[in-house]
Amino acid sequence: MPDQLSTTFAALADPTRRAILSRLTSGEASVTELAQPFDMSLPAVTKHLKVLQRAGLITQGREAQWRPCRLEAKPMREAAAWMEPYRRHWEPETTHEGARRPRTRK
């Protein structure tokens, strides 16, 4: 069984799933609402949602007939914490005065 971080990155690797997560940053949504922008069947969207649920990135409530999906931030926070030591490799280096320091070639 893969570790949580691997499961999170695998779920985030798909552009459809990233788009679903992006939509959920605006608030909860039904499966039908989440499926609207995609040119795929409802069962196909449901498969993407199951991957996101297994990764802990979303939860799905049960309110009568409506089952809203909600974003869960903890797995992304853990992924961001793992990536933090690498941040210096993609952000510009600065001096103490705030001026940009030239990058050295490696």
Protein backbone atom coordinates (compact mmCIF):
# COMPACT_ATOMS: atom_id res chain seq x y z
CA MET A 1 0.00 0.00 0.00
CA PRO A 2 1.45 3.41 -0.97
CA ASP A 3 2.21 5.97 1.71
CA GLN A 4 -0.07 9.01 2.13
CA LEU A 5 2.30 11.40 0.37
CA SER A 6 2.54 9.14 -2.70
CA THR A 7 -1.25 8.78 -2.78
CA THR A 8 -1.64 12.57 -2.60
CA PHE A 9 0.82 13.23 -5.42
CA ALA A 10 -0.74 10.49 -7.57
CA ALA A 11 -4.18 12.08 -7.12
CA LEU A 12 -2.80 15.55 -7.93
CA ALA A 13 -1.04 14.27 -11.06
CA ASP A 14 -4.25 14.29 -13.10
CA PRO A 15 -5.43 17.65 -14.57
CA THR A 16 -9.12 16.72 -14.21
CA ARG A 17 -8.68 16.04 -10.51
CA ARG A 18 -6.74 19.30 -10.07
CA ALA A 19 -9.60 21.16 -11.80
CA ILE A 20 -12.11 19.52 -9.46
CA LEU A 21 -10.06 20.59 -6.44
CA SER A 22 -9.80 24.09 -7.87
CA ARG A 23 -13.60 24.26 -8.14
CA LEU A 24 -13.96 23.09 -4.54
CA THR A 25 -11.86 26.02 -3.29
CA SER A 26 -15.04 28.07 -3.90
CA GLY A 27 -17.08 25.82 -1.63
CA GLU A 28 -18.85 22.48 -1.64
CA ALA A 29 -20.48 21.15 -4.79
CA SER A 30 -22.51 18.16 -5.92
CA VAL A 31 -21.12 15.53 -8.26
CA THR A 32 -23.34 16.89 -11.03
CA GLU A 33 -22.00 20.42 -10.49
CA LEU A 34 -18.43 19.15 -10.52
CA ALA A 35 -19.05 17.18 -13.72
CA GLN A 36 -20.50 20.12 -15.72
CA PRO A 37 -17.25 21.56 -17.15
CA PHE A 38 -15.94 18.19 -18.34
CA ASP A 39 -16.64 16.32 -21.54
CA MET A 40 -16.98 12.96 -19.78
CA SER A 41 -19.68 10.76 -18.30
CA LEU A 42 -20.87 11.09 -14.72
CA PRO A 43 -19.39 7.65 -13.87
CA ALA A 44 -15.99 8.84 -15.17
CA VAL A 45 -16.15 11.94 -12.94
CA THR A 46 -17.20 9.71 -10.03
CA LYS A 47 -14.04 7.63 -10.55
CA HIS A 48 -11.94 10.80 -10.27
CA LEU A 49 -13.81 11.73 -7.09
CA LYS A 50 -13.08 8.30 -5.60
CA VAL A 51 -9.35 8.79 -6.24
CA LEU A 52 -9.53 12.18 -4.50
CA GLN A 53 -11.46 10.64 -1.59
CA ARG A 54 -8.95 7.80 -1.17
CA ALA A 55 -6.19 10.43 -1.04
CA GLY A 56 -8.14 12.31 1.64
CA LEU A 57 -8.32 15.42 -0.56
CA ILE A 58 -12.12 15.56 -0.52
CA THR A 59 -14.96 14.27 1.62
CA GLN A 60 -18.51 13.66 0.54
CA GLY A 61 -21.35 14.45 2.91
CA ARG A 62 -24.78 12.90 3.11
CA GLU A 63 -27.59 15.40 3.30
CA ALA A 64 -30.76 13.59 2.17
CA GLN A 65 -30.43 13.13 -1.61
CA TRP A 66 -27.64 15.71 -1.89
CA ARG A 67 -24.08 14.45 -1.35
CA PRO A 68 -21.89 17.56 -1.39
CA CYS A 69 -18.15 17.21 -1.96
CA ARG A 70 -15.84 19.29 0.21
CA LEU A 71 -12.14 20.09 -0.07
CA GLU A 72 -9.88 18.71 2.67
CA ALA A 73 -6.59 20.58 2.98
CA LYS A 74 -4.56 18.30 5.27
CA PRO A 75 -2.99 16.09 2.56
CA MET A 76 -2.01 19.17 0.52
CA ARG A 77 -0.53 20.78 3.63
CA GLU A 78 1.57 17.63 4.17
CA ALA A 79 2.69 17.68 0.51
CA ALA A 80 3.60 21.37 0.78
CA ALA A 81 5.58 20.67 3.97
CA TRP A 82 7.48 17.92 2.17
CA MET A 83 8.31 20.29 -0.72
CA GLU A 84 9.32 23.22 1.51
CA PRO A 85 13.06 22.35 1.65
CA TYR A 86 13.14 22.52 -2.17
CA ARG A 87 11.55 25.98 -2.35
CA ARG A 88 14.93 27.69 -2.54
CA HIS A 89 15.53 25.97 -5.87
CA TRP A 90 12.63 27.70 -7.61
CA GLU A 91 12.44 31.05 -5.80
CA PRO A 92 14.85 33.86 -6.62
CA GLU A 93 17.66 34.25 -4.16
CA THR A 94 17.81 37.58 -2.33
CA THR A 95 20.44 39.38 -0.32
CA HIS A 96 19.82 40.75 3.15
CA GLU A 97 18.92 44.12 1.60
CA GLY A 98 16.26 42.48 -0.57
CA ALA A 99 18.17 42.83 -3.87
CA ARG A 100 18.22 39.84 -6.13
CA ARG A 101 21.45 37.92 -6.00
CA PRO A 102 22.70 36.39 -9.27
CA ARG A 103 22.30 32.62 -9.50
CA THR A 104 25.43 30.56 -9.81
CA ARG A 105 25.60 27.75 -12.35
CA LYS A 106 25.95 24.26 -11.03
